[in-house]
Structures are given as C-alpha cells and as structure tokens.
Amino acid sequence: MAKKTKYLVVRLVSVISNTAKVWVRMRESPESKGIFYDPAVGKEVLYVEKEHIKGRESLPLRVKERFGLE
C-alpha cells in the first residue's frame, strides 16, 4: 500500500453563501477554518472545511509551486 501524503487538499465553504475555496493543509493539523472575502456577499465571512479533495502527489506542478509543497 502506498505511503500517505503529508498534505491534504481540502475544500473550504462559506457558512453564508456556500462559496467554495481550495486550501492546502498538513494531514496532522486540525480542520481548517478562517475568515476570507466572499464575493457573493461582498464581505469577509467564515469559511469551514467540508471535504478532502486529494493528496499532494496528484497535484499539478504549478499548484505545488504556488503553495511551496515541492
């Protein structure tokens, strides 16, 4: 069986308008949440983690470079 990746790609969703953002976090860290600008509402709102998308190994090179995951 393959070794698990150190990072997870997760989907953060706005609690107000369900607008989604993609976020990268370490596997051991707690679920992600944060306050970000929501274009649907025009204000900063709370985003909470809803699901895991995939591991670091399957990400394109441009995404790895952007988040410093090489």
PDB file of N, CA and C in Angstrom:
ATOM      1  N   MET A   1       0.843  -1.175   0.000  1.00  0.00           N
ATOM      2  CA  MET A   1       0.000   0.000   0.000  1.00  0.00           C
ATOM      3  C   MET A   1       0.890   1.239   0.000  1.00  0.00           C
ATOM      4  N   ALA A   2       0.464   2.265  -0.710  1.00  0.00           N
ATOM      5  CA  ALA A   2       1.243   3.489  -0.840  1.00  0.00           C
ATOM      6  C   ALA A   2       1.264   4.274   0.469  1.00  0.00           C
ATOM      7  N   LYS A   3       2.361   4.993   0.646  1.00  0.00           N
ATOM      8  CA  LYS A   3       2.511   5.830   1.821  1.00  0.00           C
ATOM      9  C   LYS A   3       1.570   7.037   1.725  1.00  0.00           C
ATOM     10  N   LYS A   4       0.975   7.441   2.841  1.00  0.00           N
ATOM     11  CA  LYS A   4       0.076   8.597   2.847  1.00  0.00           C
ATOM     12  C   LYS A   4       0.881   9.881   2.671  1.00  0.00           C
ATOM     13  N   THR A   5       0.269  10.846   2.005  1.00  0.00           N
ATOM     14  CA  THR A   5       0.936  12.122   1.802  1.00  0.00           C
ATOM     15  C   THR A   5       0.913  12.943   3.089  1.00  0.00           C
ATOM     16  N   LYS A   6       1.822  13.899   3.165  1.00  0.00           N
ATOM     17  CA  LYS A   6       1.927  14.758   4.334  1.00  0.00           C
ATOM     18  C   LYS A   6       0.881  15.879   4.298  1.00  0.00           C
ATOM     19  N   TYR A   7       0.405  16.205   3.106  1.00  0.00           N
ATOM     20  CA  TYR A   7      -0.528  17.314   2.920  1.00  0.00           C
ATOM     21  C   TYR A   7      -1.860  16.830   2.372  1.00  0.00           C
ATOM     22  N   LEU A   8      -2.910  17.585   2.663  1.00  0.00           N
ATOM     23  CA  LEU A   8      -4.239  17.330   2.109  1.00  0.00           C
ATOM     24  C   LEU A   8      -4.719  18.584   1.390  1.00  0.00           C
ATOM     25  N   VAL A   9      -5.435  18.387   0.312  1.00  0.00           N
ATOM     26  CA  VAL A   9      -6.103  19.488  -0.372  1.00  0.00           C
ATOM     27  C   VAL A   9      -7.561  19.406   0.044  1.00  0.00           C
ATOM     28  N   VAL A  10      -8.070  20.473   0.629  1.00  0.00           N
ATOM     29  CA  VAL A  10      -9.426  20.461   1.172  1.00  0.00           C
ATOM     30  C   VAL A  10     -10.259  21.576   0.542  1.00  0.00           C
ATOM     31  N   ARG A  11     -11.564  21.433   0.668  1.00  0.00           N
ATOM     32  CA  ARG A  11     -12.496  22.445   0.165  1.00  0.00           C
ATOM     33  C   ARG A  11     -13.073  23.191   1.353  1.00  0.00           C
ATOM     34  N   LEU A  12     -12.881  24.521   1.360  1.00  0.00           N
ATOM     35  CA  LEU A  12     -13.473  25.379   2.380  1.00  0.00           C
ATOM     36  C   LEU A  12     -14.737  25.996   1.801  1.00  0.00           C
ATOM     37  N   VAL A  13     -15.805  26.041   2.592  1.00  0.00           N
ATOM     38  CA  VAL A  13     -17.091  26.552   2.121  1.00  0.00           C
ATOM     39  C   VAL A  13     -17.560  27.662   3.055  1.00  0.00           C
ATOM     40  N   SER A  14     -18.071  28.734   2.468  1.00  0.00           N
ATOM     41  CA  SER A  14     -18.612  29.857   3.230  1.00  0.00           C
ATOM     42  C   SER A  14     -19.866  29.414   3.979  1.00  0.00           C
ATOM     43  N   VAL A  15     -19.986  29.822   5.242  1.00  0.00           N
ATOM     44  CA  VAL A  15     -21.172  29.460   6.014  1.00  0.00           C
ATOM     45  C   VAL A  15     -22.382  30.308   5.623  1.00  0.00           C
ATOM     46  N   ILE A  16     -22.159  31.400   4.908  1.00  0.00           N
ATOM     47  CA  ILE A  16     -23.249  32.284   4.497  1.00  0.00           C
ATOM     48  C   ILE A  16     -23.795  31.907   3.120  1.00  0.00           C
ATOM     49  N   SER A  17     -22.904  31.825   2.120  1.00  0.00           N
ATOM     50  CA  SER A  17     -23.372  31.679   0.738  1.00  0.00           C
ATOM     51  C   SER A  17     -22.943  30.380   0.057  1.00  0.00           C
ATOM     52  N   ASN A  18     -22.245  29.507   0.752  1.00  0.00           N
ATOM     53  CA  ASN A  18     -21.738  28.244   0.193  1.00  0.00           C
ATOM     54  C   ASN A  18     -20.737  28.433  -0.942  1.00  0.00           C
ATOM     55  N   THR A  19     -20.082  29.591  -1.013  1.00  0.00           N
ATOM     56  CA  THR A  19     -18.994  29.800  -1.957  1.00  0.00           C
ATOM     57  C   THR A  19     -17.810  28.959  -1.502  1.00  0.00           C
ATOM     58  N   ALA A  20     -17.116  28.311  -2.434  1.00  0.00           N
ATOM     59  CA  ALA A  20     -16.040  27.387  -2.073  1.00  0.00           C
ATOM     60  C   ALA A  20     -14.667  27.937  -2.430  1.00  0.00           C
ATOM     61  N   LYS A  21     -13.665  27.536  -1.640  1.00  0.00           N
ATOM     62  CA  LYS A  21     -12.255  27.829  -1.898  1.00  0.00           C
ATOM     63  C   LYS A  21     -11.480  26.537  -1.706  1.00  0.00           C
ATOM     64  N   VAL A  22     -10.350  26.418  -2.393  1.00  0.00           N
ATOM     65  CA  VAL A  22      -9.475  25.259  -2.237  1.00  0.00           C
ATOM     66  C   VAL A  22      -8.322  25.670  -1.337  1.00  0.00           C
ATOM     67  N   TRP A  23      -7.946  24.805  -0.406  1.00  0.00           N
ATOM     68  CA  TRP A  23      -6.930  25.105   0.605  1.00  0.00           C
ATOM     69  C   TRP A  23      -6.040  23.885   0.772  1.00  0.00           C
ATOM     70  N   VAL A  24      -4.773  24.104   1.099  1.00  0.00           N
ATOM     71  CA  VAL A  24      -3.835  23.012   1.366  1.00  0.00           C
ATOM     72  C   VAL A  24      -3.460  23.073   2.832  1.00  0.00           C
ATOM     73  N   ARG A  25      -3.535  21.912   3.519  1.00  0.00           N
ATOM     74  CA  ARG A  25      -3.152  21.863   4.930  1.00  0.00           C
ATOM     75  C   ARG A  25      -2.400  20.572   5.204  1.00  0.00           C
ATOM     76  N   MET A  26      -1.665  20.542   6.305  1.00  0.00           N
ATOM     77  CA  MET A  26      -0.959  19.326   6.697  1.00  0.00           C
ATOM     78  C   MET A  26      -1.964  18.320   7.243  1.00  0.00           C
ATOM     79  N   ARG A  27      -1.698  17.050   7.022  1.00  0.00           N
ATOM     80  CA  ARG A  27      -2.608  15.982   7.426  1.00  0.00           C
ATOM     81  C   ARG A  27      -2.835  15.973   8.941  1.00  0.00           C
ATOM     82  N   GLU A  28      -1.795  16.259   9.733  1.00  0.00           N
ATOM     83  CA  GLU A  28      -1.899  16.173  11.195  1.00  0.00           C
ATOM     84  C   GLU A  28      -2.615  17.365  11.819  1.00  0.00           C
ATOM     85  N   SER A  29      -2.722  18.467  11.098  1.00  0.00           N
ATOM     86  CA  SER A  29      -3.324  19.666  11.685  1.00  0.00           C
ATOM     87  C   SER A  29      -4.843  19.527  11.794  1.00  0.00           C
ATOM     88  N   PRO A  30      -5.463  20.297  12.688  1.00  0.00           N
ATOM     89  CA  PRO A  30      -6.928  20.219  12.830  1.00  0.00           C
ATOM     90  C   PRO A  30      -7.624  20.761  11.586  1.00  0.00           C
ATOM     91  N   GLU A  31      -8.930  20.555  11.515  1.00  0.00           N
ATOM     92  CA  GLU A  31      -9.694  21.023  10.360  1.00  0.00           C
ATOM     93  C   GLU A  31      -9.499  22.524  10.164  1.00  0.00           C
ATOM     94  N   SER A  32      -9.416  22.929   8.903  1.00  0.00           N
ATOM     95  CA  SER A  32      -9.171  24.329   8.564  1.00  0.00           C
ATOM     96  C   SER A  32     -10.444  25.153   8.648  1.00  0.00           C
ATOM     97  N   LYS A  33     -10.280  26.376   9.082  1.00  0.00           N
ATOM     98  CA  LYS A  33     -11.345  27.370   9.024  1.00  0.00           C
ATOM     99  C   LYS A  33     -10.688  28.733   9.078  1.00  0.00           C
ATOM    100  N   GLY A  34     -11.354  29.715   8.530  1.00  0.00           N
ATOM    101  CA  GLY A  34     -10.779  31.048   8.508  1.00  0.00           C
ATOM    102  C   GLY A  34     -11.764  32.064   7.977  1.00  0.00           C
ATOM    103  N   ILE A  35     -11.378  33.320   8.116  1.00  0.00           N
ATOM    104  CA  ILE A  35     -12.216  34.410   7.633  1.00  0.00           C
ATOM    105  C   ILE A  35     -11.603  34.923   6.339  1.00  0.00           C
ATOM    106  N   PHE A  36     -12.381  34.833   5.258  1.00  0.00           N
ATOM    107  CA  PHE A  36     -11.940  35.249   3.937  1.00  0.00           C
ATOM    108  C   PHE A  36     -13.027  36.089   3.283  1.00  0.00           C
ATOM    109  N   TYR A  37     -12.638  36.822   2.247  1.00  0.00           N
ATOM    110  CA  TYR A  37     -13.587  37.635   1.492  1.00  0.00           C
ATOM    111  C   TYR A  37     -14.488  36.729   0.665  1.00  0.00           C
ATOM    112  N   ASP A  38     -15.785  36.945   0.759  1.00  0.00           N
ATOM    113  CA  ASP A  38     -16.769  36.183  -0.013  1.00  0.00           C
ATOM    114  C   ASP A  38     -17.338  37.104  -1.091  1.00  0.00           C
ATOM    115  N   PRO A  39     -17.022  36.848  -2.369  1.00  0.00           N
ATOM    116  CA  PRO A  39     -17.502  37.732  -3.432  1.00  0.00           C
ATOM    117  C   PRO A  39     -19.023  37.722  -3.599  1.00  0.00           C
ATOM    118  N   ALA A  40     -19.690  36.655  -3.208  1.00  0.00           N
ATOM    119  CA  ALA A  40     -21.148  36.587  -3.338  1.00  0.00           C
ATOM    120  C   ALA A  40     -21.842  37.538  -2.365  1.00  0.00           C
ATOM    121  N   VAL A  41     -21.229  37.756  -1.203  1.00  0.00           N
ATOM    122  CA  VAL A  41     -21.815  38.617  -0.178  1.00  0.00           C
ATOM    123  C   VAL A  41     -21.188  40.009  -0.204  1.00  0.00           C
ATOM    124  N   GLY A  42     -19.910  40.075  -0.604  1.00  0.00           N
ATOM    125  CA  GLY A  42     -19.197  41.347  -0.620  1.00  0.00           C
ATOM    126  C   GLY A  42     -18.568  41.704   0.707  1.00  0.00           C
ATOM    127  N   LYS A  43     -18.444  40.726   1.606  1.00  0.00           N
ATOM    128  CA  LYS A  43     -17.853  40.944   2.927  1.00  0.00           C
ATOM    129  C   LYS A  43     -16.968  39.764   3.289  1.00  0.00           C
ATOM    130  N   GLU A  44     -16.222  39.919   4.391  1.00  0.00           N
ATOM    131  CA  GLU A  44     -15.439  38.810   4.909  1.00  0.00           C
ATOM    132  C   GLU A  44     -16.345  37.935   5.769  1.00  0.00           C
ATOM    133  N   VAL A  45     -16.305  36.623   5.513  1.00  0.00           N
ATOM    134  CA  VAL A  45     -17.154  35.678   6.243  1.00  0.00           C
ATOM    135  C   VAL A  45     -16.325  34.467   6.656  1.00  0.00           C
ATOM    136  N   LEU A  46     -16.896  33.634   7.504  1.00  0.00           N
ATOM    137  CA  LEU A  46     -16.239  32.430   7.980  1.00  0.00           C
ATOM    138  C   LEU A  46     -16.348  31.316   6.942  1.00  0.00           C
ATOM    139  N   TYR A  47     -15.212  30.699   6.628  1.00  0.00           N
ATOM    140  CA  TYR A  47     -15.163  29.525   5.762  1.00  0.00           C
ATOM    141  C   TYR A  47     -14.760  28.332   6.623  1.00  0.00           C
ATOM    142  N   VAL A  48     -15.431  27.200   6.469  1.00  0.00           N
ATOM    143  CA  VAL A  48     -15.103  25.986   7.213  1.00  0.00           C
ATOM    144  C   VAL A  48     -14.828  24.849   6.232  1.00  0.00           C
ATOM    145  N   GLU A  49     -14.018  23.893   6.681  1.00  0.00           N
ATOM    146  CA  GLU A  49     -13.648  22.755   5.843  1.00  0.00           C
ATOM    147  C   GLU A  49     -14.825  21.794   5.698  1.00  0.00           C
ATOM    148  N   LYS A  50     -15.119  21.397   4.468  1.00  0.00           N
ATOM    149  CA  LYS A  50     -16.220  20.473   4.209  1.00  0.00           C
ATOM    150  C   LYS A  50     -15.741  19.097   3.763  1.00  0.00           C
ATOM    151  N   GLU A  51     -14.681  19.026   2.925  1.00  0.00           N
ATOM    152  CA  GLU A  51     -14.248  17.725   2.424  1.00  0.00           C
ATOM    153  C   GLU A  51     -12.797  17.765   1.971  1.00  0.00           C
ATOM    154  N   HIS A  52     -12.193  16.581   1.899  1.00  0.00           N
ATOM    155  CA  HIS A  52     -10.857  16.413   1.344  1.00  0.00           C
ATOM    156  C   HIS A  52     -10.998  16.228  -0.156  1.00  0.00           C
ATOM    157  N   ILE A  53     -10.110  16.856  -0.913  1.00  0.00           N
ATOM    158  CA  ILE A  53     -10.163  16.702  -2.362  1.00  0.00           C
ATOM    159  C   ILE A  53      -9.178  15.633  -2.812  1.00  0.00           C
ATOM    160  N   LYS A  54      -7.891  15.807  -2.497  1.00  0.00           N
ATOM    161  CA  LYS A  54      -6.891  14.816  -2.869  1.00  0.00           C
ATOM    162  C   LYS A  54      -5.580  15.129  -2.169  1.00  0.00           C
ATOM    163  N   GLY A  55      -4.610  14.236  -2.308  1.00  0.00           N
ATOM    164  CA  GLY A  55      -3.308  14.416  -1.693  1.00  0.00           C
ATOM    165  C   GLY A  55      -2.359  15.216  -2.562  1.00  0.00           C
ATOM    166  N   ARG A  56      -1.204  15.555  -2.033  1.00  0.00           N
ATOM    167  CA  ARG A  56      -0.228  16.399  -2.709  1.00  0.00           C
ATOM    168  C   ARG A  56       0.333  15.760  -3.967  1.00  0.00           C
ATOM    169  N   GLU A  57       0.516  14.446  -3.961  1.00  0.00           N
ATOM    170  CA  GLU A  57       1.156  13.767  -5.084  1.00  0.00           C
ATOM    171  C   GLU A  57       0.388  13.936  -6.388  1.00  0.00           C
ATOM    172  N   SER A  58      -0.902  14.085  -6.333  1.00  0.00           N
ATOM    173  CA  SER A  58      -1.703  14.188  -7.548  1.00  0.00           C
ATOM    174  C   SER A  58      -1.913  15.634  -8.008  1.00  0.00           C
ATOM    175  N   LEU A  59      -1.306  16.597  -7.314  1.00  0.00           N
ATOM    176  CA  LEU A  59      -1.470  17.999  -7.696  1.00  0.00           C
ATOM    177  C   LEU A  59      -0.578  18.357  -8.878  1.00  0.00           C
ATOM    178  N   PRO A  60      -1.009  19.282  -9.736  1.00  0.00           N
ATOM    179  CA  PRO A  60      -0.153  19.761 -10.818  1.00  0.00           C
ATOM    180  C   PRO A  60       1.045  20.534 -10.260  1.00  0.00           C
ATOM    181  N   LEU A  61       2.112  20.615 -11.023  1.00  0.00           N
ATOM    182  CA  LEU A  61       3.338  21.273 -10.584  1.00  0.00           C
ATOM    183  C   LEU A  61       3.095  22.737 -10.225  1.00  0.00           C
ATOM    184  N   ARG A  62       2.251  23.444 -10.985  1.00  0.00           N
ATOM    185  CA  ARG A  62       2.002  24.867 -10.714  1.00  0.00           C
ATOM    186  C   ARG A  62       1.361  25.080  -9.345  1.00  0.00           C
ATOM    187  N   VAL A  63       0.516  24.155  -8.911  1.00  0.00           N
ATOM    188  CA  VAL A  63      -0.119  24.262  -7.598  1.00  0.00           C
ATOM    189  C   VAL A  63       0.911  23.990  -6.507  1.00  0.00           C
ATOM    190  N   LYS A  64       1.778  22.993  -6.721  1.00  0.00           N
ATOM    191  CA  LYS A  64       2.828  22.697  -5.743  1.00  0.00           C
ATOM    192  C   LYS A  64       3.748  23.897  -5.559  1.00  0.00           C
ATOM    193  N   GLU A  65       4.107  24.550  -6.669  1.00  0.00           N
ATOM    194  CA  GLU A  65       4.983  25.722  -6.590  1.00  0.00           C
ATOM    195  C   GLU A  65       4.291  26.877  -5.875  1.00  0.00           C
ATOM    196  N   ARG A  66       3.017  27.074  -6.135  1.00  0.00           N
ATOM    197  CA  ARG A  66       2.279  28.186  -5.527  1.00  0.00           C
ATOM    198  C   ARG A  66       2.210  28.059  -4.009  1.00  0.00           C
ATOM    199  N   PHE A  67       2.002  26.838  -3.510  1.00  0.00           N
ATOM    200  CA  PHE A  67       1.871  26.618  -2.073  1.00  0.00           C
ATOM    201  C   PHE A  67       3.171  26.155  -1.418  1.00  0.00           C
ATOM    202  N   GLY A  68       4.264  26.037  -2.191  1.00  0.00           N
ATOM    203  CA  GLY A  68       5.553  25.626  -1.640  1.00  0.00           C
ATOM    204  C   GLY A  68       5.564  24.198  -1.142  1.00  0.00           C
ATOM    205  N   LEU A  69       5.007  23.266  -1.920  1.00  0.00           N
ATOM    206  CA  LEU A  69       4.870  21.876  -1.484  1.00  0.00           C
ATOM    207  C   LEU A  69       5.851  20.930  -2.167  1.00  0.00           C
ATOM    208  N   GLU A  70       6.904  21.439  -2.768  1.00  0.00           N
ATOM    209  CA  GLU A  70       7.811  20.552  -3.503  1.00  0.00           C
ATOM    210  C   GLU A  70       8.721  19.785  -2.606  1.00  0.00           C
TER     211      GLU A  70
END
